[in-house]
Amino acid sequence: MSTNNTPNWGGPGIGHRIEEAVELIEMELRHAIAYVNDAVIPQVRRESISAMRTAADTLRTLADRFEQRNSSPSGPRSARTEDNPPKTSGEPRS
């Protein structure tokens, strides 16, 4: 009875097959890294810049509204005291 139990029996050895698999994985990984660097990162940067500009515009508008509210005449606000709190109608103030 003679059986061959050597690693090369029946074709290439398991070590060679593992090396080939590792090479394929490394190649795919290089392609994935190139895609992320060439396509994903630039798109994320563009969208981040756009979002920051939108946020800056919104904050600028809000600051302008605060500034206008503080520079407006006191008017009915001066009548408010601890005994006479402001009336709330449930509607947002403008």
PDB file of N, CA and C in Angstrom:
ATOM      1  N   MET A   1       0.845  -1.164   0.000  1.00  0.00           N
ATOM      2  CA  MET A   1       0.000   0.000   0.000  1.00  0.00           C
ATOM      3  C   MET A   1       0.891   1.228   0.000  1.00  0.00           C
ATOM      4  N   SER A   2       0.782   1.994  -1.045  1.00  0.00           N
ATOM      5  CA  SER A   2       1.632   3.171  -1.064  1.00  0.00           C
ATOM      6  C   SER A   2       0.780   4.401  -1.356  1.00  0.00           C
ATOM      7  N   THR A   3       0.655   5.266  -0.374  1.00  0.00           N
ATOM      8  CA  THR A   3      -0.032   6.552  -0.556  1.00  0.00           C
ATOM      9  C   THR A   3       0.981   7.638  -0.342  1.00  0.00           C
ATOM     10  N   ASN A   4       0.832   8.668  -1.098  1.00  0.00           N
ATOM     11  CA  ASN A   4       1.772   9.775  -1.008  1.00  0.00           C
ATOM     12  C   ASN A   4       1.161  10.869  -0.138  1.00  0.00           C
ATOM     13  N   ASN A   5       1.750  11.126   0.985  1.00  0.00           N
ATOM     14  CA  ASN A   5       1.251  12.158   1.908  1.00  0.00           C
ATOM     15  C   ASN A   5       2.079  13.437   1.857  1.00  0.00           C
ATOM     16  N   THR A   6       2.849  13.643   0.836  1.00  0.00           N
ATOM     17  CA  THR A   6       3.666  14.848   0.740  1.00  0.00           C
ATOM     18  C   THR A   6       2.791  16.023   0.306  1.00  0.00           C
ATOM     19  N   PRO A   7       3.150  17.250   0.696  1.00  0.00           N
ATOM     20  CA  PRO A   7       2.330  18.424   0.362  1.00  0.00           C
ATOM     21  C   PRO A   7       2.163  18.649  -1.133  1.00  0.00           C
ATOM     22  N   ASN A   8       3.091  18.193  -1.971  1.00  0.00           N
ATOM     23  CA  ASN A   8       3.013  18.441  -3.409  1.00  0.00           C
ATOM     24  C   ASN A   8       2.229  17.363  -4.143  1.00  0.00           C
ATOM     25  N   TRP A   9       1.683  16.453  -3.445  1.00  0.00           N
ATOM     26  CA  TRP A   9       0.957  15.353  -4.083  1.00  0.00           C
ATOM     27  C   TRP A   9      -0.306  15.878  -4.749  1.00  0.00           C
ATOM     28  N   GLY A  10      -0.501  15.635  -5.983  1.00  0.00           N
ATOM     29  CA  GLY A  10      -1.701  16.016  -6.697  1.00  0.00           C
ATOM     30  C   GLY A  10      -1.670  17.431  -7.218  1.00  0.00           C
ATOM     31  N   GLY A  11      -0.561  18.080  -7.271  1.00  0.00           N
ATOM     32  CA  GLY A  11      -0.505  19.428  -7.810  1.00  0.00           C
ATOM     33  C   GLY A  11       0.317  20.350  -6.929  1.00  0.00           C
ATOM     34  N   PRO A  12       0.132  21.653  -7.122  1.00  0.00           N
ATOM     35  CA  PRO A  12       0.940  22.605  -6.348  1.00  0.00           C
ATOM     36  C   PRO A  12       0.652  22.478  -4.864  1.00  0.00           C
ATOM     37  N   GLY A  13       1.660  22.775  -4.087  1.00  0.00           N
ATOM     38  CA  GLY A  13       1.530  22.669  -2.641  1.00  0.00           C
ATOM     39  C   GLY A  13       0.620  23.728  -2.057  1.00  0.00           C
ATOM     40  N   ILE A  14       0.169  23.458  -0.837  1.00  0.00           N
ATOM     41  CA  ILE A  14      -0.740  24.388  -0.145  1.00  0.00           C
ATOM     42  C   ILE A  14      -0.053  25.729   0.110  1.00  0.00           C
ATOM     43  N   GLY A  15       1.245  25.683   0.351  1.00  0.00           N
ATOM     44  CA  GLY A  15       2.001  26.921   0.575  1.00  0.00           C
ATOM     45  C   GLY A  15       1.967  27.829  -0.639  1.00  0.00           C
ATOM     46  N   HIS A  16       2.093  27.239  -1.797  1.00  0.00           N
ATOM     47  CA  HIS A  16       2.052  28.023  -3.038  1.00  0.00           C
ATOM     48  C   HIS A  16       0.666  28.629  -3.261  1.00  0.00           C
ATOM     49  N   ARG A  17      -0.351  27.857  -2.982  1.00  0.00           N
ATOM     50  CA  ARG A  17      -1.724  28.359  -3.127  1.00  0.00           C
ATOM     51  C   ARG A  17      -1.999  29.506  -2.161  1.00  0.00           C
ATOM     52  N   ILE A  18      -1.485  29.399  -0.950  1.00  0.00           N
ATOM     53  CA  ILE A  18      -1.656  30.486   0.028  1.00  0.00           C
ATOM     54  C   ILE A  18      -0.927  31.734  -0.445  1.00  0.00           C
ATOM     55  N   GLU A  19       0.282  31.569  -0.986  1.00  0.00           N
ATOM     56  CA  GLU A  19       1.040  32.716  -1.505  1.00  0.00           C
ATOM     57  C   GLU A  19       0.264  33.412  -2.626  1.00  0.00           C
ATOM     58  N   GLU A  20      -0.339  32.624  -3.522  1.00  0.00           N
ATOM     59  CA  GLU A  20      -1.124  33.209  -4.601  1.00  0.00           C
ATOM     60  C   GLU A  20      -2.335  33.972  -4.060  1.00  0.00           C
ATOM     61  N   ALA A  21      -2.990  33.403  -3.057  1.00  0.00           N
ATOM     62  CA  ALA A  21      -4.146  34.076  -2.464  1.00  0.00           C
ATOM     63  C   ALA A  21      -3.730  35.378  -1.801  1.00  0.00           C
ATOM     64  N   VAL A  22      -2.603  35.352  -1.100  1.00  0.00           N
ATOM     65  CA  VAL A  22      -2.111  36.564  -0.440  1.00  0.00           C
ATOM     66  C   VAL A  22      -1.787  37.627  -1.479  1.00  0.00           C
ATOM     67  N   GLU A  23      -1.169  37.228  -2.590  1.00  0.00           N
ATOM     68  CA  GLU A  23      -0.854  38.191  -3.652  1.00  0.00           C
ATOM     69  C   GLU A  23      -2.127  38.819  -4.223  1.00  0.00           C
ATOM     70  N   LEU A  24      -3.154  38.002  -4.450  1.00  0.00           N
ATOM     71  CA  LEU A  24      -4.420  38.531  -4.957  1.00  0.00           C
ATOM     72  C   LEU A  24      -5.068  39.486  -3.953  1.00  0.00           C
ATOM     73  N   ILE A  25      -5.031  39.139  -2.695  1.00  0.00           N
ATOM     74  CA  ILE A  25      -5.610  40.010  -1.652  1.00  0.00           C
ATOM     75  C   ILE A  25      -4.862  41.327  -1.604  1.00  0.00           C
ATOM     76  N   GLU A  26      -3.527  41.268  -1.663  1.00  0.00           N
ATOM     77  CA  GLU A  26      -2.731  42.499  -1.635  1.00  0.00           C
ATOM     78  C   GLU A  26      -3.030  43.375  -2.846  1.00  0.00           C
ATOM     79  N   MET A  27      -3.207  42.747  -4.025  1.00  0.00           N
ATOM     80  CA  MET A  27      -3.524  43.506  -5.232  1.00  0.00           C
ATOM     81  C   MET A  27      -4.893  44.190  -5.102  1.00  0.00           C
ATOM     82  N   GLU A  28      -5.881  43.457  -4.623  1.00  0.00           N
ATOM     83  CA  GLU A  28      -7.208  44.038  -4.433  1.00  0.00           C
ATOM     84  C   GLU A  28      -7.170  45.162  -3.401  1.00  0.00           C
ATOM     85  N   LEU A  29      -6.383  44.979  -2.376  1.00  0.00           N
ATOM     86  CA  LEU A  29      -6.254  46.011  -1.347  1.00  0.00           C
ATOM     87  C   LEU A  29      -5.623  47.273  -1.930  1.00  0.00           C
ATOM     88  N   ARG A  30      -4.611  47.104  -2.766  1.00  0.00           N
ATOM     89  CA  ARG A  30      -3.994  48.278  -3.416  1.00  0.00           C
ATOM     90  C   ARG A  30      -5.010  49.009  -4.292  1.00  0.00           C
ATOM     91  N   HIS A  31      -5.837  48.251  -5.012  1.00  0.00           N
ATOM     92  CA  HIS A  31      -6.883  48.864  -5.852  1.00  0.00           C
ATOM     93  C   HIS A  31      -7.907  49.610  -4.983  1.00  0.00           C
ATOM     94  N   ALA A  32      -8.291  49.020  -3.878  1.00  0.00           N
ATOM     95  CA  ALA A  32      -9.260  49.671  -2.986  1.00  0.00           C
ATOM     96  C   ALA A  32      -8.680  50.954  -2.404  1.00  0.00           C
ATOM     97  N   ILE A  33      -7.427  50.921  -1.994  1.00  0.00           N
ATOM     98  CA  ILE A  33      -6.775  52.117  -1.440  1.00  0.00           C
ATOM     99  C   ILE A  33      -6.691  53.210  -2.501  1.00  0.00           C
ATOM    100  N   ALA A  34      -6.338  52.833  -3.732  1.00  0.00           N
ATOM    101  CA  ALA A  34      -6.256  53.815  -4.819  1.00  0.00           C
ATOM    102  C   ALA A  34      -7.621  54.444  -5.075  1.00  0.00           C
ATOM    103  N   TYR A  35      -8.679  53.631  -5.060  1.00  0.00           N
ATOM    104  CA  TYR A  35     -10.027  54.157  -5.277  1.00  0.00           C
ATOM    105  C   TYR A  35     -10.416  55.144  -4.182  1.00  0.00           C
ATOM    106  N   VAL A  36     -10.144  54.785  -2.936  1.00  0.00           N
ATOM    107  CA  VAL A  36     -10.472  55.681  -1.822  1.00  0.00           C
ATOM    108  C   VAL A  36      -9.704  56.985  -1.963  1.00  0.00           C
ATOM    109  N   ASN A  37      -8.414  56.900  -2.268  1.00  0.00           N
ATOM    110  CA  ASN A  37      -7.593  58.102  -2.401  1.00  0.00           C
ATOM    111  C   ASN A  37      -7.984  58.958  -3.602  1.00  0.00           C
ATOM    112  N   ASP A  38      -8.342  58.319  -4.704  1.00  0.00           N
ATOM    113  CA  ASP A  38      -8.611  59.059  -5.943  1.00  0.00           C
ATOM    114  C   ASP A  38     -10.048  59.536  -6.090  1.00  0.00           C
ATOM    115  N   ALA A  39     -11.000  58.825  -5.505  1.00  0.00           N
ATOM    116  CA  ALA A  39     -12.408  59.166  -5.726  1.00  0.00           C
ATOM    117  C   ALA A  39     -13.140  59.557  -4.451  1.00  0.00           C
ATOM    118  N   VAL A  40     -12.991  58.770  -3.422  1.00  0.00           N
ATOM    119  CA  VAL A  40     -13.793  58.998  -2.214  1.00  0.00           C
ATOM    120  C   VAL A  40     -13.323  60.233  -1.455  1.00  0.00           C
ATOM    121  N   ILE A  41     -12.051  60.327  -1.170  1.00  0.00           N
ATOM    122  CA  ILE A  41     -11.543  61.448  -0.366  1.00  0.00           C
ATOM    123  C   ILE A  41     -11.814  62.794  -1.037  1.00  0.00           C
ATOM    124  N   PRO A  42     -11.546  62.968  -2.335  1.00  0.00           N
ATOM    125  CA  PRO A  42     -11.869  64.268  -2.949  1.00  0.00           C
ATOM    126  C   PRO A  42     -13.353  64.620  -2.866  1.00  0.00           C
ATOM    127  N   GLN A  43     -14.235  63.638  -3.042  1.00  0.00           N
ATOM    128  CA  GLN A  43     -15.678  63.895  -2.950  1.00  0.00           C
ATOM    129  C   GLN A  43     -16.067  64.294  -1.533  1.00  0.00           C
ATOM    130  N   VAL A  44     -15.519  63.620  -0.541  1.00  0.00           N
ATOM    131  CA  VAL A  44     -15.802  63.961   0.858  1.00  0.00           C
ATOM    132  C   VAL A  44     -15.323  65.378   1.154  1.00  0.00           C
ATOM    133  N   ARG A  45     -14.171  65.735   0.638  1.00  0.00           N
ATOM    134  CA  ARG A  45     -13.655  67.097   0.850  1.00  0.00           C
ATOM    135  C   ARG A  45     -14.580  68.131   0.231  1.00  0.00           C
ATOM    136  N   ARG A  46     -15.015  67.873  -1.024  1.00  0.00           N
ATOM    137  CA  ARG A  46     -15.920  68.833  -1.680  1.00  0.00           C
ATOM    138  C   ARG A  46     -17.214  68.994  -0.890  1.00  0.00           C
ATOM    139  N   GLU A  47     -17.786  67.886  -0.467  1.00  0.00           N
ATOM    140  CA  GLU A  47     -19.050  67.962   0.269  1.00  0.00           C
ATOM    141  C   GLU A  47     -18.859  68.601   1.645  1.00  0.00           C
ATOM    142  N   SER A  48     -17.720  68.359   2.286  1.00  0.00           N
ATOM    143  CA  SER A  48     -17.449  68.968   3.591  1.00  0.00           C
ATOM    144  C   SER A  48     -17.297  70.479   3.459  1.00  0.00           C
ATOM    145  N   ILE A  49     -16.601  70.909   2.432  1.00  0.00           N
ATOM    146  CA  ILE A  49     -16.429  72.345   2.204  1.00  0.00           C
ATOM    147  C   ILE A  49     -17.778  73.003   1.962  1.00  0.00           C
ATOM    148  N   SER A  50     -18.602  72.376   1.157  1.00  0.00           N
ATOM    149  CA  SER A  50     -19.936  72.915   0.883  1.00  0.00           C
ATOM    150  C   SER A  50     -20.765  72.990   2.169  1.00  0.00           C
ATOM    151  N   ALA A  51     -20.717  71.935   2.977  1.00  0.00           N
ATOM    152  CA  ALA A  51     -21.477  71.925   4.233  1.00  0.00           C
ATOM    153  C   ALA A  51     -20.970  73.005   5.185  1.00  0.00           C
ATOM    154  N   MET A  52     -19.660  73.203   5.252  1.00  0.00           N
ATOM    155  CA  MET A  52     -19.119  74.255   6.135  1.00  0.00           C
ATOM    156  C   MET A  52     -19.543  75.639   5.661  1.00  0.00           C
ATOM    157  N   ARG A  53     -19.575  75.850   4.347  1.00  0.00           N
ATOM    158  CA  ARG A  53     -20.018  77.153   3.829  1.00  0.00           C
ATOM    159  C   ARG A  53     -21.494  77.387   4.137  1.00  0.00           C
ATOM    160  N   THR A  54     -22.305  76.351   3.995  1.00  0.00           N
ATOM    161  CA  THR A  54     -23.725  76.472   4.320  1.00  0.00           C
ATOM    162  C   THR A  54     -23.909  76.783   5.794  1.00  0.00           C
ATOM    163  N   ALA A  55     -23.161  76.088   6.650  1.00  0.00           N
ATOM    164  CA  ALA A  55     -23.245  76.338   8.097  1.00  0.00           C
ATOM    165  C   ALA A  55     -22.780  77.756   8.423  1.00  0.00           C
ATOM    166  N   ALA A  56     -21.727  78.215   7.772  1.00  0.00           N
ATOM    167  CA  ALA A  56     -21.237  79.573   8.010  1.00  0.00           C
ATOM    168  C   ALA A  56     -22.275  80.612   7.596  1.00  0.00           C
ATOM    169  N   ASP A  57     -22.919  80.403   6.461  1.00  0.00           N
ATOM    170  CA  ASP A  57     -23.970  81.327   6.020  1.00  0.00           C
ATOM    171  C   ASP A  57     -25.133  81.353   7.006  1.00  0.00           C
ATOM    172  N   THR A  58     -25.515  80.165   7.483  1.00  0.00           N
ATOM    173  CA  THR A  58     -26.609  80.087   8.447  1.00  0.00           C
ATOM    174  C   THR A  58     -26.242  80.789   9.746  1.00  0.00           C
ATOM    175  N   LEU A  59     -25.028  80.591  10.221  1.00  0.00           N
ATOM    176  CA  LEU A  59     -24.584  81.262  11.452  1.00  0.00           C
ATOM    177  C   LEU A  59     -24.498  82.773  11.251  1.00  0.00           C
ATOM    178  N   ARG A  60     -24.053  83.202  10.067  1.00  0.00           N
ATOM    179  CA  ARG A  60     -23.979  84.641   9.777  1.00  0.00           C
ATOM    180  C   ARG A  60     -25.378  85.258   9.804  1.00  0.00           C
ATOM    181  N   THR A  61     -26.355  84.561   9.213  1.00  0.00           N
ATOM    182  CA  THR A  61     -27.739  85.034   9.214  1.00  0.00           C
ATOM    183  C   THR A  61     -28.283  85.108  10.639  1.00  0.00           C
ATOM    184  N   LEU A  62     -27.998  84.089  11.430  1.00  0.00           N
ATOM    185  CA  LEU A  62     -28.448  84.084  12.819  1.00  0.00           C
ATOM    186  C   LEU A  62     -27.814  85.232  13.604  1.00  0.00           C
ATOM    187  N   ALA A  63     -26.527  85.452  13.409  1.00  0.00           N
ATOM    188  CA  ALA A  63     -25.848  86.558  14.099  1.00  0.00           C
ATOM    189  C   ALA A  63     -26.449  87.900  13.683  1.00  0.00           C
ATOM    190  N   ASP A  64     -26.765  88.055  12.405  1.00  0.00           N
ATOM    191  CA  ASP A  64     -27.398  89.296  11.941  1.00  0.00           C
ATOM    192  C   ASP A  64     -28.751  89.503  12.623  1.00  0.00           C
ATOM    193  N   ARG A  65     -29.511  88.417  12.759  1.00  0.00           N
ATOM    194  CA  ARG A  65     -30.820  88.532  13.422  1.00  0.00           C
ATOM    195  C   ARG A  65     -30.666  88.922  14.885  1.00  0.00           C
ATOM    196  N   PHE A  66     -29.684  88.317  15.577  1.00  0.00           N
ATOM    197  CA  PHE A  66     -29.434  88.695  16.974  1.00  0.00           C
ATOM    198  C   PHE A  66     -29.031  90.164  17.072  1.00  0.00           C
ATOM    199  N   GLU A  67     -28.180  90.583  16.146  1.00  0.00           N
ATOM    200  CA  GLU A  67     -27.713  91.962  16.155  1.00  0.00           C
ATOM    201  C   GLU A  67     -28.864  92.933  15.906  1.00  0.00           C
ATOM    202  N   GLN A  68     -29.752  92.615  14.964  1.00  0.00           N
ATOM    203  CA  GLN A  68     -30.897  93.476  14.678  1.00  0.00           C
ATOM    204  C   GLN A  68     -31.842  93.532  15.867  1.00  0.00           C
ATOM    205  N   ARG A  69     -32.038  92.399  16.522  1.00  0.00           N
ATOM    206  CA  ARG A  69     -32.943  92.352  17.671  1.00  0.00           C
ATOM    207  C   ARG A  69     -32.391  93.215  18.819  1.00  0.00           C
ATOM    208  N   ASN A  70     -31.085  93.181  19.048  1.00  0.00           N
ATOM    209  CA  ASN A  70     -30.483  93.957  20.130  1.00  0.00           C
ATOM    210  C   ASN A  70     -30.423  95.444  19.827  1.00  0.00           C
ATOM    211  N   SER A  71     -30.391  95.808  18.546  1.00  0.00           N
ATOM    212  CA  SER A  71     -30.297  97.226  18.217  1.00  0.00           C
ATOM    213  C   SER A  71     -31.664  97.869  18.004  1.00  0.00           C
ATOM    214  N   SER A  72     -32.739  97.075  18.042  1.00  0.00           N
ATOM    215  CA  SER A  72     -34.072  97.649  17.851  1.00  0.00           C
ATOM    216  C   SER A  72     -34.494  98.409  19.109  1.00  0.00           C
ATOM    217  N   PRO A  73     -35.403  99.399  18.977  1.00  0.00           N
ATOM    218  CA  PRO A  73     -35.846 100.172  20.137  1.00  0.00           C
ATOM    219  C   PRO A  73     -36.527  99.268  21.164  1.00  0.00           C
ATOM    220  N   SER A  74     -36.450  99.661  22.414  1.00  0.00           N
ATOM    221  CA  SER A  74     -36.988  98.851  23.503  1.00  0.00           C
ATOM    222  C   SER A  74     -38.480  98.662  23.372  1.00  0.00           C
ATOM    223  N   GLY A  75     -39.221  99.674  23.056  1.00  0.00           N
ATOM    224  CA  GLY A  75     -40.653  99.599  22.835  1.00  0.00           C
ATOM    225  C   GLY A  75     -41.380  98.834  23.928  1.00  0.00           C
ATOM    226  N   PRO A  76     -42.193  97.877  23.559  1.00  0.00           N
ATOM    227  CA  PRO A  76     -43.008  97.162  24.537  1.00  0.00           C
ATOM    228  C   PRO A  76     -42.193  96.339  25.522  1.00  0.00           C
ATOM    229  N   ARG A  77     -40.966  96.076  25.232  1.00  0.00           N
ATOM    230  CA  ARG A  77     -40.153  95.291  26.147  1.00  0.00           C
ATOM    231  C   ARG A  77     -39.885  96.036  27.447  1.00  0.00           C
ATOM    232  N   SER A  78     -39.850  97.356  27.385  1.00  0.00           N
ATOM    233  CA  SER A  78     -39.562  98.139  28.590  1.00  0.00           C
ATOM    234  C   SER A  78     -40.691  98.036  29.607  1.00  0.00           C
ATOM    235  N   ALA A  79     -41.887  97.662  29.173  1.00  0.00           N
ATOM    236  CA  ALA A  79     -43.018  97.549  30.084  1.00  0.00           C
ATOM    237  C   ALA A  79     -42.978  96.255  30.882  1.00  0.00           C
ATOM    238  N   ARG A  80     -42.083  95.356  30.552  1.00  0.00           N
ATOM    239  CA  ARG A  80     -42.010  94.087  31.248  1.00  0.00           C
ATOM    240  C   ARG A  80     -41.286  94.261  32.573  1.00  0.00           C
ATOM    241  N   THR A  81     -41.882  93.737  33.584  1.00  0.00           N
ATOM    242  CA  THR A  81     -41.266  93.737  34.913  1.00  0.00           C
ATOM    243  C   THR A  81     -41.504  92.379  35.521  1.00  0.00           C
ATOM    244  N   GLU A  82     -41.029  92.198  36.751  1.00  0.00           N
ATOM    245  CA  GLU A  82     -41.273  90.923  37.417  1.00  0.00           C
ATOM    246  C   GLU A  82     -42.762  90.731  37.679  1.00  0.00           C
ATOM    247  N   ASP A  83     -43.504  91.818  37.945  1.00  0.00           N
ATOM    248  CA  ASP A  83     -44.929  91.707  38.195  1.00  0.00           C
ATOM    249  C   ASP A  83     -45.724  91.543  36.899  1.00  0.00           C
ATOM    250  N   ASN A  84     -45.131  91.953  35.775  1.00  0.00           N
ATOM    251  CA  ASN A  84     -45.813  91.910  34.493  1.00  0.00           C
ATOM    252  C   ASN A  84     -44.957  91.103  33.512  1.00  0.00           C
ATOM    253  N   PRO A  85     -44.946  89.747  33.590  1.00  0.00           N
ATOM    254  CA  PRO A  85     -44.100  88.955  32.687  1.00  0.00           C
ATOM    255  C   PRO A  85     -44.608  89.043  31.248  1.00  0.00           C
ATOM    256  N   PRO A  86     -43.758  88.740  30.300  1.00  0.00           N
ATOM    257  CA  PRO A  86     -44.186  88.807  28.897  1.00  0.00           C
ATOM    258  C   PRO A  86     -45.251  87.764  28.619  1.00  0.00           C
ATOM    259  N   LYS A  87     -46.179  88.133  27.740  1.00  0.00           N
ATOM    260  CA  LYS A  87     -47.243  87.219  27.358  1.00  0.00           C
ATOM    261  C   LYS A  87     -46.687  86.243  26.327  1.00  0.00           C
ATOM    262  N   THR A  88     -47.071  85.002  26.470  1.00  0.00           N
ATOM    263  CA  THR A  88     -46.634  84.005  25.494  1.00  0.00           C
ATOM    264  C   THR A  88     -47.844  83.521  24.714  1.00  0.00           C
ATOM    265  N   SER A  89     -47.738  83.545  23.421  1.00  0.00           N
ATOM    266  CA  SER A  89     -48.839  83.133  22.580  1.00  0.00           C
ATOM    267  C   SER A  89     -48.599  81.760  21.977  1.00  0.00           C
ATOM    268  N   GLY A  90     -47.419  81.188  22.238  1.00  0.00           N
ATOM    269  CA  GLY A  90     -47.093  79.908  21.651  1.00  0.00           C
ATOM    270  C   GLY A  90     -46.511  80.032  20.247  1.00  0.00           C
ATOM    271  N   GLU A  91     -46.462  81.244  19.730  1.00  0.00           N
ATOM    272  CA  GLU A  91     -45.905  81.451  18.400  1.00  0.00           C
ATOM    273  C   GLU A  91     -44.454  81.877  18.547  1.00  0.00           C
ATOM    274  N   PRO A  92     -43.612  81.526  17.594  1.00  0.00           N
ATOM    275  CA  PRO A  92     -42.206  81.943  17.673  1.00  0.00           C
ATOM    276  C   PRO A  92     -42.079  83.456  17.526  1.00  0.00           C
ATOM    277  N   ARG A  93     -41.098  83.962  18.253  1.00  0.00           N
ATOM    278  CA  ARG A  93     -40.839  85.413  18.164  1.00  0.00           C
ATOM    279  C   ARG A  93     -40.075  85.708  16.885  1.00  0.00           C
ATOM    280  N   SER A  94     -40.304  86.883  16.342  1.00  0.00           N
ATOM    281  CA  SER A  94     -39.569  87.256  15.140  1.00  0.00           C
ATOM    282  C   SER A  94     -38.657  88.413  15.426  1.00  0.00           C
TER     283      SER A  94
END
